[in-house]
Amino acid sequence: MLKYDSAAKRERQNKARRQRNRETKSAIRTAVKKFQLAVQAEDKDLAAEKLNVAIKLIDKSGSKGVYHRNTVSRKKSRLQTQFNALNKTE
């Protein structure tokens, strides 16, 4: 039990945000893993589809404040590099 009402409210807000951020990050990790499995299988069409899903989730998480904008850029860049490498091996 917290001493002040404002501290209790802040704790409730932090708990809700922490839960939302965990769900978002988990969804991103899942999307990235599906993309990487498609890259390993060398399925270009599936990889392109999964890349778009992963980038959309990453962009949304950046706009919501889950990830810093530099982190968003880094993650997207690394995924795009993997996809480009897959398309080079023709």
Protein backbone atom coordinates (compact mmCIF):
# COMPACT_ATOMS: atom_id res chain seq x y z
CA MET A 1 0.00 0.00 0.00
CA LEU A 2 1.43 3.29 -1.09
CA LYS A 3 1.26 6.35 1.12
CA TYR A 4 -0.08 8.83 -1.44
CA ASP A 5 -2.89 8.56 -3.94
CA SER A 6 -0.72 10.06 -6.67
CA ALA A 7 1.93 7.37 -6.09
CA ALA A 8 -0.74 4.67 -6.31
CA LYS A 9 -2.05 6.12 -9.58
CA ARG A 10 1.47 6.34 -10.98
CA GLU A 11 2.05 2.68 -10.05
CA ARG A 12 -1.18 1.66 -11.82
CA GLN A 13 -0.13 3.60 -14.92
CA ASN A 14 3.34 2.06 -14.90
CA LYS A 15 1.87 -1.43 -14.58
CA ALA A 16 -0.46 -0.88 -17.55
CA ARG A 17 2.33 0.60 -19.68
CA ARG A 18 4.75 -2.17 -18.75
CA GLN A 19 2.18 -4.80 -19.76
CA ARG A 20 1.46 -3.04 -23.07
CA ASN A 21 5.15 -2.65 -23.85
CA ARG A 22 5.83 -6.31 -23.10
CA GLU A 23 3.03 -7.40 -25.45
CA THR A 24 4.32 -5.11 -28.20
CA LYS A 25 7.93 -6.26 -27.87
CA SER A 26 6.83 -9.90 -27.85
CA ALA A 27 4.83 -9.40 -31.04
CA ILE A 28 7.84 -7.77 -32.68
CA ARG A 29 10.17 -10.61 -31.67
CA THR A 30 7.69 -13.13 -33.06
CA ALA A 31 7.37 -11.24 -36.36
CA VAL A 32 11.14 -10.92 -36.71
CA LYS A 33 11.61 -14.63 -36.00
CA LYS A 34 9.04 -15.54 -38.69
CA PHE A 35 10.85 -13.26 -41.14
CA GLN A 36 14.22 -14.84 -40.33
CA LEU A 37 12.79 -18.35 -40.78
CA ALA A 38 11.52 -17.32 -44.23
CA VAL A 39 14.98 -15.95 -45.06
CA GLN A 40 16.62 -19.21 -43.94
CA ALA A 41 14.17 -21.16 -46.10
CA GLU A 42 15.09 -18.80 -48.97
CA ASP A 43 11.42 -18.10 -49.68
CA LYS A 44 11.58 -14.58 -51.12
CA ASP A 45 7.84 -13.98 -51.38
CA LEU A 46 7.16 -15.09 -47.82
CA ALA A 47 10.18 -13.15 -46.56
CA ALA A 48 8.92 -9.97 -48.24
CA GLU A 49 5.51 -10.43 -46.67
CA LYS A 50 6.96 -11.09 -43.20
CA LEU A 51 9.36 -8.16 -43.56
CA ASN A 52 6.45 -5.78 -44.19
CA VAL A 53 4.63 -7.09 -41.11
CA ALA A 54 7.71 -6.76 -38.91
CA ILE A 55 8.53 -3.24 -40.14
CA LYS A 56 4.95 -2.11 -39.58
CA LEU A 57 5.03 -3.37 -35.99
CA ILE A 58 8.44 -1.80 -35.35
CA ASP A 59 7.31 1.56 -36.77
CA LYS A 60 4.18 1.52 -34.66
CA SER A 61 6.16 0.71 -31.52
CA GLY A 62 8.46 3.65 -32.23
CA SER A 63 5.56 6.05 -32.59
CA LYS A 64 4.06 4.79 -29.32
CA GLY A 65 7.30 5.25 -27.41
CA VAL A 66 8.03 1.58 -26.82
CA TYR A 67 11.35 1.87 -28.66
CA HIS A 68 13.61 4.89 -29.18
CA ARG A 69 13.67 6.15 -32.77
CA ASN A 70 17.31 5.14 -33.21
CA THR A 71 16.48 1.62 -32.04
CA VAL A 72 13.63 1.50 -34.54
CA SER A 73 15.95 2.58 -37.35
CA ARG A 74 18.59 0.04 -36.37
CA LYS A 75 16.13 -2.86 -36.22
CA LYS A 76 14.58 -1.96 -39.57
CA SER A 77 17.99 -1.54 -41.18
CA ARG A 78 19.17 -4.95 -40.02
CA LEU A 79 16.03 -6.65 -41.30
CA GLN A 80 16.29 -4.88 -44.65
CA THR A 81 19.96 -5.89 -44.94
CA GLN A 82 19.02 -9.54 -44.42
CA PHE A 83 16.29 -9.26 -47.04
CA ASN A 84 18.63 -7.59 -49.53
CA ALA A 85 21.22 -10.32 -49.00
CA LEU A 86 18.53 -12.94 -49.75
CA ASN A 87 17.62 -11.21 -53.01
CA LYS A 88 21.27 -10.94 -54.09
CA THR A 89 21.73 -14.71 -53.99
CA GLU A 90 19.88 -15.51 -57.18
